[in-house]
Amino acid sequence: MRTAILSSLLLLSLATACGKGAEQDQWIQLFNGKDLTGWDIKISGYPLNENFRNTFRVEDGLLKVSYDEYEEWNSEFGHIFYDQTFSDYILRVEYRFVGEQMPGAPGWALRNNGAMLHSQSAESMGLDQDFPVSIEAQFLGGSVEGERPTANVCTPGTDITMNGATVPGHCTNSTSKTYRGEEWVTVEMIVHGRGDIFHVVEGDTVLAYSNPVVGGGNIPEGYLVPVGSALTGGYIALQAESHPIEFRKVELLDLSGRGH
């Protein structure tokens, strides 16, 4: 594991350093800063690409999850999916929570969002399905008091391995600090197909796991991929879970063919 971590951190250092030269052009801007081109929307209870009450929008160069057109919260958990699949990559996201959570939403969803990795497609989700089968790099914001790390991992319909054993439970905390208020936070997810996955917050590696497979709880009824199937790649999605959030960068460095 130590060798894998060092290898991944070297790749991350290379990616971070490519602010000039040819490497810079290899970053794929999943969010173009102008509109939602290249993204599909699925909100629970609504058909594919029905953007209920303008939940997902682009304003002032930011991709926003907003609830100012809602009258009440009625479990409209949503996801916005990039329309290409990836396997080996570094995903970099810059986000901040803003405003107040929708009244009536569950307490656990306060300042809660995430990037879904190795996800099923938007079109394969059921009409009323809340979360895609995927690995969630969970983004959390802190309350006024108490610790609440970000870049945790949650496993809707999946299992992962740490220290040679399947991880019990749905979510596992990272070792990150707590980020409060409306400050911008940068998270990188270093993903090696069905191998090691690392979460890095502001340059610090805060979580590592491996061997994602279909399993655990929250597998939709009739899901066609058998339990135990290895997840070697898939779609990337961002969430809408009742608290407004803004993204100013969603970019990806494809590591396919680079070795690690």
Protein backbone atom coordinates (compact mmCIF):
# COMPACT_ATOMS: atom_id res chain seq x y z
CA MET A 1 0.00 0.00 0.00
CA ARG A 2 2.84 2.41 0.82
CA THR A 3 4.32 1.93 -2.67
CA ALA A 4 0.92 2.57 -4.24
CA ILE A 5 0.46 5.72 -2.17
CA LEU A 6 3.86 7.07 -3.14
CA SER A 7 3.21 6.26 -6.79
CA SER A 8 -0.15 8.00 -6.70
CA LEU A 9 1.24 11.03 -4.93
CA LEU A 10 3.94 11.33 -7.56
CA LEU A 11 1.23 11.31 -10.20
CA LEU A 12 -0.68 13.93 -8.24
CA SER A 13 2.45 16.07 -7.97
CA LEU A 14 2.89 15.81 -11.72
CA ALA A 15 -0.74 16.75 -12.29
CA THR A 16 -0.58 19.68 -9.88
CA ALA A 17 2.59 20.95 -11.48
CA CYS A 18 1.17 21.05 -15.00
CA GLY A 19 0.09 24.65 -14.82
CA LYS A 20 2.37 25.30 -17.79
CA GLY A 21 3.63 23.40 -20.80
CA ALA A 22 2.01 20.53 -22.64
CA GLU A 23 0.69 18.81 -19.51
CA GLN A 24 -1.76 21.65 -18.92
CA ASP A 25 -3.67 20.75 -22.07
CA GLN A 26 -4.22 17.19 -20.85
CA TRP A 27 -6.63 18.27 -18.11
CA ILE A 28 -10.21 17.80 -19.29
CA GLN A 29 -12.53 20.57 -18.10
CA LEU A 30 -15.67 18.59 -17.33
CA PHE A 31 -17.40 21.84 -16.38
CA ASN A 32 -16.81 24.50 -19.03
CA GLY A 33 -17.81 27.48 -16.86
CA LYS A 34 -20.56 28.49 -19.30
CA ASP A 35 -23.33 25.90 -19.37
CA LEU A 36 -24.21 22.27 -18.64
CA THR A 37 -23.03 20.91 -21.97
CA GLY A 38 -21.84 17.33 -21.55
CA TRP A 39 -23.90 16.64 -18.42
CA ASP A 40 -27.08 14.61 -17.84
CA ILE A 41 -29.46 15.26 -14.94
CA LYS A 42 -31.41 12.68 -12.94
CA ILE A 43 -33.55 13.82 -10.01
CA SER A 44 -35.49 11.26 -7.99
CA GLY A 45 -39.11 11.17 -9.07
CA TYR A 46 -38.47 12.86 -12.42
CA PRO A 47 -37.46 11.61 -15.88
CA LEU A 48 -33.92 11.81 -17.22
CA ASN A 49 -32.82 15.40 -17.92
CA GLU A 50 -35.86 17.04 -16.33
CA ASN A 51 -34.08 19.72 -14.30
CA PHE A 52 -36.79 20.08 -11.66
CA ARG A 53 -37.14 23.69 -10.50
CA ASN A 54 -33.81 24.60 -12.09
CA THR A 55 -31.90 22.71 -9.39
CA PHE A 56 -28.70 22.54 -11.45
CA ARG A 57 -27.66 25.77 -13.14
CA VAL A 58 -24.68 27.86 -14.22
CA GLU A 59 -24.39 31.42 -12.92
CA ASP A 60 -21.37 33.72 -12.73
CA GLY A 61 -19.13 30.98 -14.09
CA LEU A 62 -20.12 28.55 -11.31
CA LEU A 63 -21.99 25.26 -11.44
CA LYS A 64 -24.63 25.67 -8.74
CA VAL A 65 -27.04 23.41 -6.90
CA SER A 66 -29.83 25.80 -5.89
CA TYR A 67 -33.20 25.54 -4.18
CA ASP A 68 -34.56 29.07 -4.49
CA GLU A 69 -37.37 27.86 -6.78
CA TYR A 70 -38.50 25.10 -4.40
CA GLU A 71 -41.55 25.43 -2.19
CA GLU A 72 -40.72 22.46 0.04
CA TRP A 73 -38.33 19.51 0.21
CA ASN A 74 -39.88 16.25 -0.95
CA SER A 75 -36.85 13.94 -1.24
CA GLU A 76 -35.76 15.28 -4.62
CA PHE A 77 -32.26 13.82 -4.35
CA GLY A 78 -30.48 14.64 -7.59
CA HIS A 79 -27.31 13.91 -9.54
CA ILE A 80 -25.69 15.46 -12.56
CA PHE A 81 -23.59 13.02 -14.61
CA TYR A 82 -20.75 13.74 -17.00
CA ASP A 83 -21.61 11.90 -20.20
CA GLN A 84 -18.35 9.95 -20.62
CA THR A 85 -16.92 7.07 -18.62
CA PHE A 86 -13.44 6.96 -17.09
CA SER A 87 -11.35 4.32 -15.33
CA ASP A 88 -7.91 5.64 -14.29
CA TYR A 89 -7.80 9.35 -13.55
CA ILE A 90 -7.36 12.23 -11.15
CA LEU A 91 -10.57 14.17 -10.57
CA ARG A 92 -10.15 17.64 -9.08
CA VAL A 93 -13.15 19.48 -7.64
CA GLU A 94 -13.31 22.92 -6.00
CA TYR A 95 -16.52 23.47 -4.04
CA ARG A 96 -18.10 25.51 -1.29
CA PHE A 97 -21.36 25.23 0.60
CA VAL A 98 -23.50 28.38 0.67
CA GLY A 99 -26.73 29.56 2.25
CA GLU A 100 -29.14 27.43 4.24
CA GLN A 101 -30.38 23.89 3.85
CA MET A 102 -33.91 23.35 2.55
CA PRO A 103 -36.40 23.21 5.43
CA GLY A 104 -37.72 19.71 6.04
CA ALA A 105 -34.65 17.97 4.62
CA PRO A 106 -32.88 15.30 6.72
CA GLY A 107 -30.30 16.49 9.23
CA TRP A 108 -27.56 14.27 7.79
CA ALA A 109 -27.85 16.14 4.47
CA LEU A 110 -26.80 19.46 6.03
CA ARG A 111 -23.76 20.73 4.09
CA ASN A 112 -23.57 17.37 2.37
CA ASN A 113 -22.67 16.65 -1.24
CA GLY A 114 -20.25 14.41 -3.09
CA ALA A 115 -18.66 13.12 -6.28
CA MET A 116 -19.91 9.72 -7.37
CA LEU A 117 -17.12 7.58 -8.86
CA HIS A 118 -17.43 4.43 -11.01
CA SER A 119 -21.15 5.23 -11.18
CA GLN A 120 -23.92 3.58 -13.14
CA SER A 121 -25.27 5.78 -15.94
CA ALA A 122 -27.96 8.38 -15.46
CA GLU A 123 -30.27 6.66 -17.94
CA SER A 124 -30.01 3.33 -16.10
CA MET A 125 -31.37 4.78 -12.85
CA GLY A 126 -34.94 4.03 -11.85
CA LEU A 127 -37.49 6.85 -11.82
CA ASP A 128 -37.59 7.01 -8.00
CA GLN A 129 -34.01 5.88 -7.32
CA ASP A 130 -32.32 8.25 -4.87
CA PHE A 131 -28.64 7.36 -5.42
CA PRO A 132 -26.73 5.64 -8.21
CA VAL A 133 -24.72 2.49 -7.58
CA SER A 134 -21.29 4.05 -7.18
CA ILE A 135 -18.52 5.04 -4.78
CA GLU A 136 -19.16 8.43 -3.20
CA ALA A 137 -16.34 10.77 -2.31
CA GLN A 138 -18.44 12.61 0.25
CA PHE A 139 -18.05 16.37 0.72
CA LEU A 140 -19.14 17.70 4.11
CA GLY A 141 -19.14 21.13 5.69
CA GLY A 142 -18.82 21.68 9.42
CA SER A 143 -21.36 23.24 11.73
CA VAL A 144 -20.45 26.00 14.17
CA GLU A 145 -19.03 23.47 16.62
CA GLY A 146 -17.72 19.92 16.45
CA GLU A 147 -15.53 18.13 13.96
CA ARG A 148 -16.84 16.92 10.61
CA PRO A 149 -14.21 15.76 8.10
CA THR A 150 -14.68 15.98 4.35
CA ALA A 151 -13.64 13.62 1.52
CA ASN A 152 -15.10 10.64 3.33
CA VAL A 153 -16.22 7.57 1.38
CA CYS A 154 -19.75 6.17 1.17
CA THR A 155 -20.85 3.07 -0.71
CA PRO A 156 -24.35 3.09 -2.24
CA GLY A 157 -24.70 -0.39 -3.71
CA THR A 158 -20.97 -1.10 -3.43
CA ASP A 159 -18.28 -2.58 -1.20
CA ILE A 160 -14.66 -1.48 -0.81
CA THR A 161 -11.57 -2.90 0.87
CA MET A 162 -9.26 -1.39 3.50
CA ASN A 163 -6.35 -3.22 5.09
CA GLY A 164 -7.27 -6.40 3.30
CA ALA A 165 -10.88 -6.56 4.56
CA THR A 166 -14.26 -5.45 3.27
CA VAL A 167 -15.27 -2.23 4.99
CA PRO A 168 -18.41 -2.58 7.13
CA GLY A 169 -21.03 0.14 7.18
CA HIS A 170 -22.07 2.70 4.61
CA CYS A 171 -19.66 5.61 5.24
CA THR A 172 -16.06 5.81 6.47
CA ASN A 173 -14.54 9.08 7.65
CA SER A 174 -11.33 10.53 6.32
CA THR A 175 -8.65 12.20 8.42
CA SER A 176 -9.26 15.66 7.00
CA LYS A 177 -9.78 18.81 9.04
CA THR A 178 -13.22 20.41 9.31
CA TYR A 179 -14.09 23.15 6.82
CA ARG A 180 -16.71 25.62 7.98
CA GLY A 181 -18.54 28.54 6.48
CA GLU A 182 -18.37 29.30 2.78
CA GLU A 183 -14.65 28.76 2.13
CA TRP A 184 -13.55 27.03 -1.06
CA VAL A 185 -12.19 23.49 -0.65
CA THR A 186 -10.12 21.56 -3.21
CA VAL A 187 -10.43 17.77 -3.28
CA GLU A 188 -8.59 15.40 -5.61
CA MET A 189 -9.66 11.81 -6.11
CA ILE A 190 -6.91 9.59 -7.54
CA VAL A 191 -8.65 6.60 -9.09
CA HIS A 192 -6.87 3.49 -10.40
CA GLY A 193 -9.69 1.47 -11.95
CA ARG A 194 -10.49 -1.49 -9.71
CA GLY A 195 -7.30 -0.90 -7.70
CA ASP A 196 -6.36 1.82 -5.22
CA ILE A 197 -8.36 5.01 -4.77
CA PHE A 198 -7.08 7.99 -2.76
CA HIS A 199 -8.80 11.15 -1.49
CA VAL A 200 -6.60 14.23 -1.19
CA VAL A 201 -7.79 17.46 0.47
CA GLU A 202 -5.76 20.63 -0.04
CA GLY A 203 -2.69 18.50 -0.83
CA ASP A 204 -3.02 16.04 2.08
CA THR A 205 -3.93 12.38 1.51
CA VAL A 206 -6.80 11.74 3.91
CA LEU A 207 -8.22 8.38 2.82
CA ALA A 208 -7.20 5.28 0.83
CA TYR A 209 -9.14 2.16 -0.16
CA SER A 210 -9.29 -0.35 -3.02
CA ASN A 211 -11.13 -3.12 -4.85
CA PRO A 212 -14.57 -1.56 -5.39
CA VAL A 213 -17.28 -4.10 -6.23
CA VAL A 214 -21.05 -4.20 -6.48
CA GLY A 215 -22.40 -5.22 -3.09
CA GLY A 216 -23.49 -4.03 0.34
CA GLY A 217 -26.84 -2.35 0.75
CA ASN A 218 -28.88 0.01 -1.44
CA ILE A 219 -28.71 -2.10 -4.61
CA PRO A 220 -31.77 -1.16 -6.69
CA GLU A 221 -34.32 -3.87 -7.33
CA GLY A 222 -33.62 -5.53 -10.65
CA TYR A 223 -30.10 -4.13 -10.94
CA LEU A 224 -28.49 -6.11 -13.76
CA VAL A 225 -24.87 -6.15 -12.55
CA PRO A 226 -24.29 -9.16 -10.24
CA VAL A 227 -23.13 -8.70 -6.65
CA GLY A 228 -19.37 -9.11 -6.45
CA SER A 229 -18.71 -7.68 -9.91
CA ALA A 230 -15.57 -5.54 -9.97
CA LEU A 231 -16.02 -1.84 -10.70
CA THR A 232 -13.23 -0.92 -13.09
CA GLY A 233 -14.68 2.37 -14.32
CA GLY A 234 -17.90 4.25 -14.86
CA TYR A 235 -19.50 7.66 -14.84
CA ILE A 236 -18.77 10.64 -12.58
CA ALA A 237 -21.64 12.54 -10.98
CA LEU A 238 -22.15 15.42 -8.55
CA GLN A 239 -24.99 15.51 -6.08
CA ALA A 240 -27.94 17.63 -5.02
CA GLU A 241 -28.88 16.67 -1.47
CA SER A 242 -30.89 19.68 -0.14
CA HIS A 243 -28.08 22.11 0.74
CA PRO A 244 -26.96 24.73 -1.83
CA ILE A 245 -23.42 24.26 -3.11
CA GLU A 246 -21.24 25.85 -5.77
CA PHE A 247 -18.51 24.29 -7.92
CA ARG A 248 -15.97 26.50 -9.64
CA LYS A 249 -13.81 23.70 -11.04
CA VAL A 250 -14.47 20.13 -12.09
CA GLU A 251 -11.53 18.83 -14.09
CA LEU A 252 -9.97 15.47 -14.86
CA LEU A 253 -6.54 14.17 -15.80
CA ASP A 254 -6.87 10.86 -17.64
CA LEU A 255 -4.19 8.44 -16.40
CA SER A 256 -5.02 5.65 -18.86
CA GLY A 257 -1.83 4.27 -20.34
CA ARG A 258 0.46 6.13 -17.94
CA GLY A 259 1.04 3.22 -15.55
CA HIS A 260 1.03 3.58 -11.77
